[in-house]
Amino acid sequence: MKFKAQLMSQEEMDRALKRMAHQILEKNDGAEGVVFLGIRRRGVPLAKKLSENIRTIEGTEPPVGELDITLYRDDLSEINQAAVISESKVDFSIENKIVVLVDDVIYTGRTARAALDACSQLGRAARIQLAALIDRGHRELPIRADYVGKNVPTSKDEIISVMVEEFDGQTCVELFQKG
């Protein structure tokens, strides 16, 4: 892969996540009943940051769970024969809650579809919404994010890498060229 550009710095990511937190509060008339499910891996720290931002704004911090969608993917055999399956960590009920699924990048929509399936196994939410830091287009399914940090039109031979301190030692979004 060849580096092409930095799309977001840590400061730009922080600003986008603060804006998204305000949008979540506005759309849902506050934080009452809102819970976050971060899609493993990088959706989890983004969900935690959104929850922290809401605590700063509203004084209440929505709970954050970790959603493993591995078994719900329709492309599991294509991505890796030996996929690592982790357990979802959701220690609260989603019954009649406003669930905000959080992912780093929305691309084809298949990850979001798998997350919806995984979420339905946890209970019946009042509403399910989707937040993605980056929307790069190229949808294969009729799914869109309710909250987007940044829209980045890409070609299919480009890769967007969202990096977070917890996994990558830095926080930024970068664009790479395949090959």
N, C-alpha and C. Protein backbone atom coordinates (compact mmCIF):
# COMPACT_ATOMS: atom_id res chain seq x y z
N MET A 1 0.84 -1.18 0.00
CA MET A 1 0.00 0.00 0.00
C MET A 1 0.89 1.25 0.00
N LYS A 2 0.44 2.22 -0.73
CA LYS A 2 1.17 3.48 -0.84
C LYS A 2 0.37 4.60 -0.15
N PHE A 3 1.02 5.30 0.77
CA PHE A 3 0.38 6.41 1.47
C PHE A 3 0.03 7.50 0.47
N LYS A 4 -1.22 8.01 0.57
CA LYS A 4 -1.65 9.10 -0.31
C LYS A 4 -1.86 10.41 0.44
N ALA A 5 -2.55 10.34 1.59
CA ALA A 5 -2.86 11.58 2.30
C ALA A 5 -3.37 11.29 3.70
N GLN A 6 -3.17 12.26 4.58
CA GLN A 6 -3.83 12.22 5.88
C GLN A 6 -5.16 12.95 5.71
N LEU A 7 -6.25 12.26 6.03
CA LEU A 7 -7.59 12.82 5.86
C LEU A 7 -8.07 13.57 7.09
N MET A 8 -7.66 13.09 8.26
CA MET A 8 -8.06 13.74 9.51
C MET A 8 -6.93 13.60 10.53
N SER A 9 -6.65 14.69 11.22
CA SER A 9 -5.71 14.66 12.34
C SER A 9 -6.49 14.26 13.59
N GLN A 10 -5.79 14.09 14.70
CA GLN A 10 -6.47 13.79 15.96
C GLN A 10 -7.43 14.91 16.32
N GLU A 11 -7.03 16.15 16.13
CA GLU A 11 -7.89 17.28 16.45
C GLU A 11 -9.15 17.29 15.58
N GLU A 12 -9.00 16.97 14.30
CA GLU A 12 -10.15 16.93 13.39
C GLU A 12 -11.09 15.78 13.75
N MET A 13 -10.51 14.64 14.17
CA MET A 13 -11.35 13.52 14.62
C MET A 13 -12.12 13.90 15.88
N ASP A 14 -11.43 14.55 16.82
CA ASP A 14 -12.09 14.97 18.06
C ASP A 14 -13.24 15.93 17.76
N ARG A 15 -13.00 16.87 16.86
CA ARG A 15 -14.03 17.85 16.50
C ARG A 15 -15.23 17.16 15.85
N ALA A 16 -14.96 16.20 14.95
CA ALA A 16 -16.05 15.47 14.29
C ALA A 16 -16.85 14.66 15.30
N LEU A 17 -16.17 14.02 16.25
CA LEU A 17 -16.88 13.21 17.25
C LEU A 17 -17.70 14.08 18.20
N LYS A 18 -17.24 15.28 18.49
CA LYS A 18 -18.03 16.22 19.31
C LYS A 18 -19.28 16.65 18.54
N ARG A 19 -19.11 16.95 17.27
CA ARG A 19 -20.27 17.34 16.43
C ARG A 19 -21.27 16.19 16.36
N MET A 20 -20.77 14.96 16.15
CA MET A 20 -21.66 13.80 16.08
C MET A 20 -22.41 13.61 17.40
N ALA A 21 -21.73 13.83 18.54
CA ALA A 21 -22.39 13.70 19.84
C ALA A 21 -23.54 14.70 19.96
N HIS A 22 -23.30 15.93 19.51
CA HIS A 22 -24.37 16.95 19.53
C HIS A 22 -25.53 16.51 18.63
N GLN A 23 -25.22 15.95 17.47
CA GLN A 23 -26.28 15.51 16.55
C GLN A 23 -27.10 14.36 17.16
N ILE A 24 -26.42 13.44 17.84
CA ILE A 24 -27.11 12.33 18.49
C ILE A 24 -28.07 12.87 19.55
N LEU A 25 -27.59 13.81 20.35
CA LEU A 25 -28.44 14.41 21.39
C LEU A 25 -29.62 15.15 20.78
N GLU A 26 -29.37 15.88 19.72
CA GLU A 26 -30.44 16.65 19.07
C GLU A 26 -31.51 15.73 18.48
N LYS A 27 -31.07 14.71 17.77
CA LYS A 27 -32.02 13.81 17.11
C LYS A 27 -32.85 13.00 18.11
N ASN A 28 -32.26 12.72 19.28
CA ASN A 28 -32.93 11.86 20.26
C ASN A 28 -33.46 12.63 21.47
N ASP A 29 -33.53 13.95 21.36
CA ASP A 29 -34.03 14.80 22.46
C ASP A 29 -33.30 14.53 23.77
N GLY A 30 -31.97 14.43 23.69
CA GLY A 30 -31.16 14.19 24.88
C GLY A 30 -30.59 12.79 24.90
N ALA A 31 -30.00 12.44 26.04
CA ALA A 31 -29.30 11.16 26.16
C ALA A 31 -30.15 10.06 26.81
N GLU A 32 -31.35 10.40 27.24
CA GLU A 32 -32.22 9.43 27.91
C GLU A 32 -32.48 8.23 27.00
N GLY A 33 -32.11 7.04 27.47
CA GLY A 33 -32.37 5.81 26.72
C GLY A 33 -31.38 5.51 25.62
N VAL A 34 -30.35 6.34 25.46
CA VAL A 34 -29.35 6.11 24.41
C VAL A 34 -28.26 5.18 24.94
N VAL A 35 -27.92 4.16 24.14
CA VAL A 35 -26.79 3.28 24.44
C VAL A 35 -25.95 3.15 23.17
N PHE A 36 -24.67 2.90 23.36
CA PHE A 36 -23.75 2.74 22.23
C PHE A 36 -23.26 1.31 22.15
N LEU A 37 -23.21 0.79 20.92
CA LEU A 37 -22.58 -0.49 20.65
C LEU A 37 -21.49 -0.25 19.62
N GLY A 38 -20.25 -0.32 20.06
CA GLY A 38 -19.12 -0.15 19.16
C GLY A 38 -18.85 -1.45 18.43
N ILE A 39 -18.71 -1.36 17.11
CA ILE A 39 -18.42 -2.55 16.30
C ILE A 39 -16.92 -2.80 16.39
N ARG A 40 -16.57 -4.00 16.85
CA ARG A 40 -15.16 -4.33 17.02
C ARG A 40 -14.41 -4.21 15.72
N ARG A 41 -13.29 -3.63 15.68
CA ARG A 41 -12.43 -3.18 16.74
C ARG A 41 -12.51 -1.67 16.91
N ARG A 42 -12.28 -0.94 15.88
CA ARG A 42 -12.11 0.50 16.05
C ARG A 42 -13.41 1.25 16.33
N GLY A 43 -14.54 0.61 16.17
CA GLY A 43 -15.79 1.26 16.54
C GLY A 43 -15.94 1.41 18.04
N VAL A 44 -15.26 0.56 18.80
CA VAL A 44 -15.38 0.58 20.26
C VAL A 44 -14.77 1.85 20.86
N PRO A 45 -13.51 2.19 20.56
CA PRO A 45 -12.99 3.44 21.13
C PRO A 45 -13.72 4.68 20.63
N LEU A 46 -14.25 4.63 19.41
CA LEU A 46 -15.03 5.76 18.89
C LEU A 46 -16.34 5.88 19.66
N ALA A 47 -16.98 4.75 19.97
CA ALA A 47 -18.22 4.77 20.77
C ALA A 47 -17.95 5.31 22.17
N LYS A 48 -16.82 4.92 22.76
CA LYS A 48 -16.46 5.43 24.09
C LYS A 48 -16.26 6.94 24.05
N LYS A 49 -15.63 7.43 23.00
CA LYS A 49 -15.39 8.87 22.88
C LYS A 49 -16.72 9.61 22.71
N LEU A 50 -17.64 9.06 21.90
CA LEU A 50 -18.96 9.68 21.76
C LEU A 50 -19.69 9.74 23.10
N SER A 51 -19.61 8.65 23.87
CA SER A 51 -20.26 8.61 25.17
C SER A 51 -19.64 9.64 26.13
N GLU A 52 -18.32 9.75 26.11
CA GLU A 52 -17.63 10.76 26.94
C GLU A 52 -18.03 12.17 26.53
N ASN A 53 -18.15 12.40 25.22
CA ASN A 53 -18.57 13.72 24.75
C ASN A 53 -19.98 14.05 25.23
N ILE A 54 -20.86 13.06 25.21
CA ILE A 54 -22.22 13.29 25.69
C ILE A 54 -22.21 13.58 27.19
N ARG A 55 -21.35 12.89 27.95
CA ARG A 55 -21.23 13.18 29.38
C ARG A 55 -20.80 14.63 29.60
N THR A 56 -19.86 15.10 28.79
CA THR A 56 -19.39 16.48 28.91
C THR A 56 -20.52 17.47 28.60
N ILE A 57 -21.34 17.15 27.61
CA ILE A 57 -22.42 18.05 27.18
C ILE A 57 -23.63 17.98 28.11
N GLU A 58 -24.06 16.75 28.44
CA GLU A 58 -25.33 16.53 29.16
C GLU A 58 -25.18 16.19 30.63
N GLY A 59 -23.99 15.73 31.03
CA GLY A 59 -23.81 15.32 32.41
C GLY A 59 -24.18 13.88 32.69
N THR A 60 -24.60 13.16 31.67
CA THR A 60 -24.92 11.74 31.80
C THR A 60 -24.17 10.99 30.71
N GLU A 61 -23.61 9.83 31.08
CA GLU A 61 -22.79 9.08 30.14
C GLU A 61 -23.50 7.79 29.72
N PRO A 62 -23.93 7.71 28.45
CA PRO A 62 -24.58 6.49 27.98
C PRO A 62 -23.64 5.29 28.06
N PRO A 63 -24.18 4.11 28.38
CA PRO A 63 -23.33 2.92 28.43
C PRO A 63 -22.81 2.54 27.04
N VAL A 64 -21.65 1.89 27.04
CA VAL A 64 -21.00 1.46 25.80
C VAL A 64 -20.75 -0.04 25.86
N GLY A 65 -21.18 -0.73 24.82
CA GLY A 65 -20.91 -2.16 24.70
C GLY A 65 -20.06 -2.43 23.48
N GLU A 66 -19.49 -3.64 23.43
CA GLU A 66 -18.66 -4.06 22.30
C GLU A 66 -19.39 -5.15 21.54
N LEU A 67 -19.56 -4.93 20.24
CA LEU A 67 -20.30 -5.86 19.40
C LEU A 67 -19.35 -6.58 18.44
N ASP A 68 -19.29 -7.91 18.57
CA ASP A 68 -18.50 -8.71 17.63
C ASP A 68 -19.46 -9.25 16.57
N ILE A 69 -19.21 -8.86 15.33
CA ILE A 69 -20.12 -9.24 14.24
C ILE A 69 -19.59 -10.38 13.38
N THR A 70 -18.47 -10.97 13.77
CA THR A 70 -17.79 -11.96 12.93
C THR A 70 -18.73 -13.04 12.41
N LEU A 71 -19.53 -13.63 13.29
CA LEU A 71 -20.40 -14.73 12.88
C LEU A 71 -21.58 -14.29 12.02
N TYR A 72 -21.81 -13.00 11.94
CA TYR A 72 -22.96 -12.48 11.19
C TYR A 72 -22.57 -11.97 9.81
N ARG A 73 -21.28 -12.00 9.49
CA ARG A 73 -20.82 -11.50 8.19
C ARG A 73 -21.22 -12.47 7.08
N ASP A 74 -21.60 -11.92 5.93
CA ASP A 74 -21.94 -12.78 4.80
C ASP A 74 -20.73 -13.07 3.93
N ASP A 75 -19.59 -12.47 4.26
CA ASP A 75 -18.37 -12.67 3.47
C ASP A 75 -17.27 -13.33 4.29
N LEU A 76 -17.63 -14.03 5.35
CA LEU A 76 -16.66 -14.61 6.26
C LEU A 76 -15.68 -15.53 5.54
N SER A 77 -16.17 -16.35 4.63
CA SER A 77 -15.27 -17.27 3.92
C SER A 77 -14.33 -16.53 2.98
N GLU A 78 -14.72 -15.35 2.53
CA GLU A 78 -13.86 -14.57 1.63
C GLU A 78 -12.77 -13.81 2.36
N ILE A 79 -13.05 -13.37 3.60
CA ILE A 79 -12.08 -12.51 4.27
C ILE A 79 -11.00 -13.28 5.01
N ASN A 80 -11.34 -14.44 5.59
CA ASN A 80 -10.33 -15.18 6.32
C ASN A 80 -10.89 -16.52 6.76
N GLN A 81 -10.21 -17.58 6.37
CA GLN A 81 -10.67 -18.92 6.75
C GLN A 81 -10.57 -19.13 8.27
N ALA A 82 -9.60 -18.47 8.91
CA ALA A 82 -9.39 -18.64 10.35
C ALA A 82 -9.74 -17.36 11.10
N ALA A 83 -10.92 -16.86 10.88
CA ALA A 83 -11.34 -15.61 11.52
C ALA A 83 -11.34 -15.76 13.03
N VAL A 84 -10.91 -14.73 13.70
CA VAL A 84 -10.90 -14.72 15.17
C VAL A 84 -12.28 -14.28 15.64
N ILE A 85 -12.91 -15.13 16.42
CA ILE A 85 -14.24 -14.83 16.93
C ILE A 85 -14.10 -14.44 18.39
N SER A 86 -14.54 -13.25 18.71
CA SER A 86 -14.52 -12.75 20.08
C SER A 86 -15.96 -12.72 20.58
N GLU A 87 -16.09 -12.49 21.84
CA GLU A 87 -17.42 -12.40 22.42
C GLU A 87 -17.85 -10.94 22.50
N SER A 88 -19.10 -10.69 22.17
CA SER A 88 -19.64 -9.35 22.38
C SER A 88 -19.68 -9.08 23.87
N LYS A 89 -19.42 -7.84 24.26
CA LYS A 89 -19.45 -7.46 25.66
C LYS A 89 -20.49 -6.36 25.83
N VAL A 90 -21.70 -6.78 26.18
CA VAL A 90 -22.79 -5.84 26.38
C VAL A 90 -23.41 -6.19 27.73
N ASP A 91 -23.07 -5.41 28.76
CA ASP A 91 -23.55 -5.73 30.11
C ASP A 91 -24.74 -4.87 30.53
N PHE A 92 -25.57 -4.53 29.55
CA PHE A 92 -26.79 -3.77 29.81
C PHE A 92 -27.83 -4.24 28.81
N SER A 93 -29.08 -3.98 29.11
CA SER A 93 -30.17 -4.37 28.22
C SER A 93 -30.35 -3.32 27.12
N ILE A 94 -30.64 -3.78 25.92
CA ILE A 94 -30.96 -2.84 24.83
C ILE A 94 -32.47 -2.77 24.61
N GLU A 95 -33.24 -3.51 25.42
CA GLU A 95 -34.69 -3.51 25.28
C GLU A 95 -35.24 -2.09 25.38
N ASN A 96 -35.98 -1.68 24.35
CA ASN A 96 -36.62 -0.37 24.29
C ASN A 96 -35.64 0.80 24.41
N LYS A 97 -34.38 0.57 24.07
CA LYS A 97 -33.36 1.63 24.09
C LYS A 97 -33.12 2.14 22.68
N ILE A 98 -32.52 3.31 22.61
CA ILE A 98 -32.06 3.85 21.33
C ILE A 98 -30.61 3.39 21.20
N VAL A 99 -30.39 2.43 20.32
CA VAL A 99 -29.06 1.85 20.13
C VAL A 99 -28.36 2.59 19.00
N VAL A 100 -27.17 3.11 19.29
CA VAL A 100 -26.36 3.74 18.26
C VAL A 100 -25.19 2.80 17.99
N LEU A 101 -25.22 2.16 16.82
CA LEU A 101 -24.10 1.33 16.38
C LEU A 101 -23.01 2.26 15.89
N VAL A 102 -21.76 2.01 16.30
CA VAL A 102 -20.66 2.90 15.94
C VAL A 102 -19.58 2.10 15.20
N ASP A 103 -19.22 2.59 14.01
CA ASP A 103 -18.15 1.97 13.23
C ASP A 103 -17.19 3.04 12.75
N ASP A 104 -16.00 2.63 12.37
CA ASP A 104 -15.02 3.60 11.92
C ASP A 104 -15.29 4.06 10.49
N VAL A 105 -15.56 3.11 9.59
CA VAL A 105 -15.78 3.44 8.17
C VAL A 105 -17.01 2.69 7.68
N ILE A 106 -17.88 3.38 6.97
CA ILE A 106 -18.96 2.69 6.26
C ILE A 106 -18.59 2.68 4.79
N TYR A 107 -18.66 1.50 4.19
CA TYR A 107 -18.22 1.30 2.81
C TYR A 107 -19.35 0.61 2.05
N THR A 108 -19.38 -0.70 2.02
CA THR A 108 -20.41 -1.41 1.26
C THR A 108 -21.74 -1.51 2.00
N GLY A 109 -21.70 -1.39 3.32
CA GLY A 109 -22.90 -1.55 4.13
C GLY A 109 -23.02 -2.94 4.73
N ARG A 110 -22.13 -3.85 4.35
CA ARG A 110 -22.23 -5.23 4.83
C ARG A 110 -21.90 -5.37 6.31
N THR A 111 -20.95 -4.60 6.79
CA THR A 111 -20.63 -4.63 8.23
C THR A 111 -21.83 -4.13 9.02
N ALA A 112 -22.45 -3.06 8.57
CA ALA A 112 -23.61 -2.51 9.27
C ALA A 112 -24.76 -3.53 9.27
N ARG A 113 -24.97 -4.24 8.16
CA ARG A 113 -26.01 -5.26 8.11
C ARG A 113 -25.72 -6.37 9.11
N ALA A 114 -24.46 -6.79 9.18
CA ALA A 114 -24.08 -7.83 10.15
C ALA A 114 -24.29 -7.32 11.57
N ALA A 115 -23.99 -6.06 11.82
CA ALA A 115 -24.18 -5.47 13.15
C ALA A 115 -25.67 -5.44 13.52
N LEU A 116 -26.52 -5.15 12.55
CA LEU A 116 -27.97 -5.17 12.81
C LEU A 116 -28.42 -6.57 13.22
N ASP A 117 -27.90 -7.59 12.52
CA ASP A 117 -28.24 -8.97 12.86
C ASP A 117 -27.75 -9.32 14.26
N ALA A 118 -26.51 -8.94 14.58
CA ALA A 118 -25.94 -9.24 15.90
C ALA A 118 -26.73 -8.51 16.98
N CYS A 119 -27.10 -7.28 16.71
CA CYS A 119 -27.86 -6.48 17.66
C CYS A 119 -29.23 -7.10 17.94
N SER A 120 -29.86 -7.64 16.92
CA SER A 120 -31.19 -8.23 17.11
C SER A 120 -31.14 -9.45 18.03
N GLN A 121 -29.99 -10.08 18.15
CA GLN A 121 -29.84 -11.22 19.06
C GLN A 121 -29.79 -10.78 20.53
N LEU A 122 -29.55 -9.48 20.75
CA LEU A 122 -29.43 -8.95 22.11
C LEU A 122 -30.78 -8.50 22.68
N GLY A 123 -31.76 -8.33 21.82
CA GLY A 123 -33.06 -7.87 22.28
C GLY A 123 -33.70 -6.95 21.27
N ARG A 124 -34.85 -6.38 21.65
CA ARG A 124 -35.59 -5.50 20.74
C ARG A 124 -35.41 -4.05 21.16
N ALA A 125 -34.60 -3.35 20.39
CA ALA A 125 -34.35 -1.94 20.65
C ALA A 125 -35.54 -1.11 20.17
N ALA A 126 -35.72 0.06 20.79
CA ALA A 126 -36.77 0.97 20.32
C ALA A 126 -36.40 1.50 18.94
N ARG A 127 -35.14 1.86 18.78
CA ARG A 127 -34.61 2.35 17.49
C ARG A 127 -33.15 1.94 17.41
N ILE A 128 -32.68 1.75 16.20
CA ILE A 128 -31.25 1.51 15.96
C ILE A 128 -30.78 2.55 14.97
N GLN A 129 -29.70 3.23 15.33
CA GLN A 129 -29.10 4.24 14.47
C GLN A 129 -27.65 3.86 14.21
N LEU A 130 -27.08 4.44 13.17
CA LEU A 130 -25.71 4.11 12.79
C LEU A 130 -24.86 5.37 12.74
N ALA A 131 -23.71 5.31 13.40
CA ALA A 131 -22.74 6.40 13.37
C ALA A 131 -21.44 5.86 12.78
N ALA A 132 -20.87 6.59 11.84
CA ALA A 132 -19.59 6.20 11.23
C ALA A 132 -18.71 7.44 11.13
N LEU A 133 -17.46 7.28 11.52
CA LEU A 133 -16.55 8.41 11.43
C LEU A 133 -16.34 8.82 9.98
N ILE A 134 -16.19 7.82 9.09
CA ILE A 134 -15.94 8.08 7.67
C ILE A 134 -16.97 7.35 6.82
N ASP A 135 -17.56 8.06 5.86
CA ASP A 135 -18.42 7.43 4.84
C ASP A 135 -17.69 7.57 3.52
N ARG A 136 -17.29 6.44 2.95
CA ARG A 136 -16.50 6.46 1.72
C ARG A 136 -17.31 6.08 0.47
N GLY A 137 -18.60 5.84 0.63
CA GLY A 137 -19.43 5.52 -0.53
C GLY A 137 -19.32 4.06 -0.94
N HIS A 138 -19.74 3.75 -2.15
CA HIS A 138 -19.68 2.40 -2.76
C HIS A 138 -20.59 1.39 -2.08
N ARG A 139 -21.78 1.81 -1.66
CA ARG A 139 -22.73 0.93 -1.00
C ARG A 139 -23.16 -0.21 -1.90
N GLU A 140 -23.26 -1.40 -1.31
CA GLU A 140 -23.81 -2.58 -1.98
C GLU A 140 -25.17 -2.94 -1.40
N LEU A 141 -25.49 -2.36 -0.27
CA LEU A 141 -26.77 -2.59 0.39
C LEU A 141 -27.41 -1.23 0.68
N PRO A 142 -28.74 -1.18 0.78
CA PRO A 142 -29.42 0.10 1.02
C PRO A 142 -29.34 0.53 2.48
N ILE A 143 -28.13 0.85 2.91
CA ILE A 143 -27.88 1.25 4.29
C ILE A 143 -27.13 2.57 4.27
N ARG A 144 -27.52 3.47 5.18
CA ARG A 144 -26.80 4.74 5.30
C ARG A 144 -26.60 5.04 6.77
N ALA A 145 -25.57 5.83 7.05
CA ALA A 145 -25.30 6.22 8.43
C ALA A 145 -26.16 7.43 8.80
N ASP A 146 -26.65 7.44 10.03
CA ASP A 146 -27.42 8.57 10.53
C ASP A 146 -26.50 9.72 10.92
N TYR A 147 -25.28 9.37 11.36
CA TYR A 147 -24.31 10.37 11.80
C TYR A 147 -22.97 10.05 11.14
N VAL A 148 -22.39 11.04 10.47
CA VAL A 148 -21.13 10.84 9.75
C VAL A 148 -20.17 11.95 10.14
N GLY A 149 -18.95 11.56 10.46
CA GLY A 149 -17.92 12.54 10.78
C GLY A 149 -17.40 13.25 9.54
N LYS A 150 -17.17 12.47 8.47
CA LYS A 150 -16.65 13.05 7.24
C LYS A 150 -16.99 12.14 6.07
N ASN A 151 -17.47 12.74 4.98
CA ASN A 151 -17.70 12.01 3.74
C ASN A 151 -16.43 12.12 2.90
N VAL A 152 -15.92 10.97 2.45
CA VAL A 152 -14.70 10.94 1.66
C VAL A 152 -14.93 10.08 0.43
N PRO A 153 -15.20 10.71 -0.73
CA PRO A 153 -15.35 9.92 -1.94
C PRO A 153 -14.02 9.21 -2.26
N THR A 154 -14.10 7.92 -2.52
CA THR A 154 -12.90 7.15 -2.81
C THR A 154 -13.11 6.29 -4.05
N SER A 155 -12.00 5.79 -4.58
CA SER A 155 -12.10 4.76 -5.61
C SER A 155 -12.00 3.41 -4.90
N LYS A 156 -12.37 2.34 -5.60
CA LYS A 156 -12.35 1.03 -4.97
C LYS A 156 -10.93 0.51 -4.76
N ASP A 157 -9.94 1.15 -5.38
CA ASP A 157 -8.56 0.72 -5.17
C ASP A 157 -7.84 1.58 -4.13
N GLU A 158 -8.63 2.26 -3.31
CA GLU A 158 -8.08 3.01 -2.19
C GLU A 158 -8.55 2.39 -0.88
N ILE A 159 -7.77 2.59 0.15
CA ILE A 159 -8.09 2.07 1.48
C ILE A 159 -8.03 3.22 2.47
N ILE A 160 -9.04 3.30 3.33
CA ILE A 160 -9.04 4.29 4.40
C ILE A 160 -8.68 3.58 5.69
N SER A 161 -7.71 4.12 6.39
CA SER A 161 -7.27 3.55 7.65
C SER A 161 -7.55 4.53 8.79
N VAL A 162 -8.47 4.13 9.66
CA VAL A 162 -8.75 4.92 10.86
C VAL A 162 -7.85 4.35 11.96
N MET A 163 -7.03 5.20 12.52
CA MET A 163 -6.11 4.77 13.57
C MET A 163 -6.53 5.41 14.89
N VAL A 164 -6.50 4.58 15.94
CA VAL A 164 -6.83 5.05 17.27
C VAL A 164 -5.71 4.67 18.22
N GLU A 165 -5.50 5.49 19.20
CA GLU A 165 -4.39 5.32 20.15
C GLU A 165 -4.35 3.92 20.74
N GLU A 166 -5.51 3.38 21.12
CA GLU A 166 -5.58 2.07 21.78
C GLU A 166 -4.97 0.95 20.97
N PHE A 167 -5.10 0.99 19.66
CA PHE A 167 -4.62 -0.10 18.81
C PHE A 167 -3.40 0.27 17.98
N ASP A 168 -3.26 1.54 17.64
CA ASP A 168 -2.27 1.95 16.66
C ASP A 168 -1.19 2.89 17.20
N GLY A 169 -1.33 3.35 18.43
CA GLY A 169 -0.35 4.26 19.00
C GLY A 169 -0.46 5.69 18.50
N GLN A 170 -1.46 5.96 17.67
CA GLN A 170 -1.71 7.31 17.17
C GLN A 170 -3.18 7.42 16.79
N THR A 171 -3.66 8.64 16.64
CA THR A 171 -5.06 8.86 16.29
C THR A 171 -5.11 9.76 15.07
N CYS A 172 -5.58 9.19 13.96
CA CYS A 172 -5.73 9.95 12.71
C CYS A 172 -6.45 9.07 11.69
N VAL A 173 -6.75 9.65 10.53
CA VAL A 173 -7.33 8.90 9.42
C VAL A 173 -6.44 9.13 8.22
N GLU A 174 -6.03 8.03 7.58
CA GLU A 174 -5.14 8.13 6.42
C GLU A 174 -5.72 7.41 5.22
N LEU A 175 -5.33 7.85 4.05
CA LEU A 175 -5.76 7.27 2.78
C LEU A 175 -4.56 6.60 2.11
N PHE A 176 -4.77 5.36 1.63
CA PHE A 176 -3.72 4.61 0.97
C PHE A 176 -4.20 4.14 -0.40
N GLN A 177 -3.27 3.93 -1.30
CA GLN A 177 -3.52 3.36 -2.62
C GLN A 177 -3.13 1.89 -2.58
N LYS A 178 -4.01 1.01 -3.03
CA LYS A 178 -3.65 -0.42 -3.10
C LYS A 178 -2.56 -0.62 -4.14
N GLY A 179 -1.78 -1.69 -3.90
CA GLY A 179 -0.77 -2.05 -4.89
C GLY A 179 0.43 -1.30 -4.71
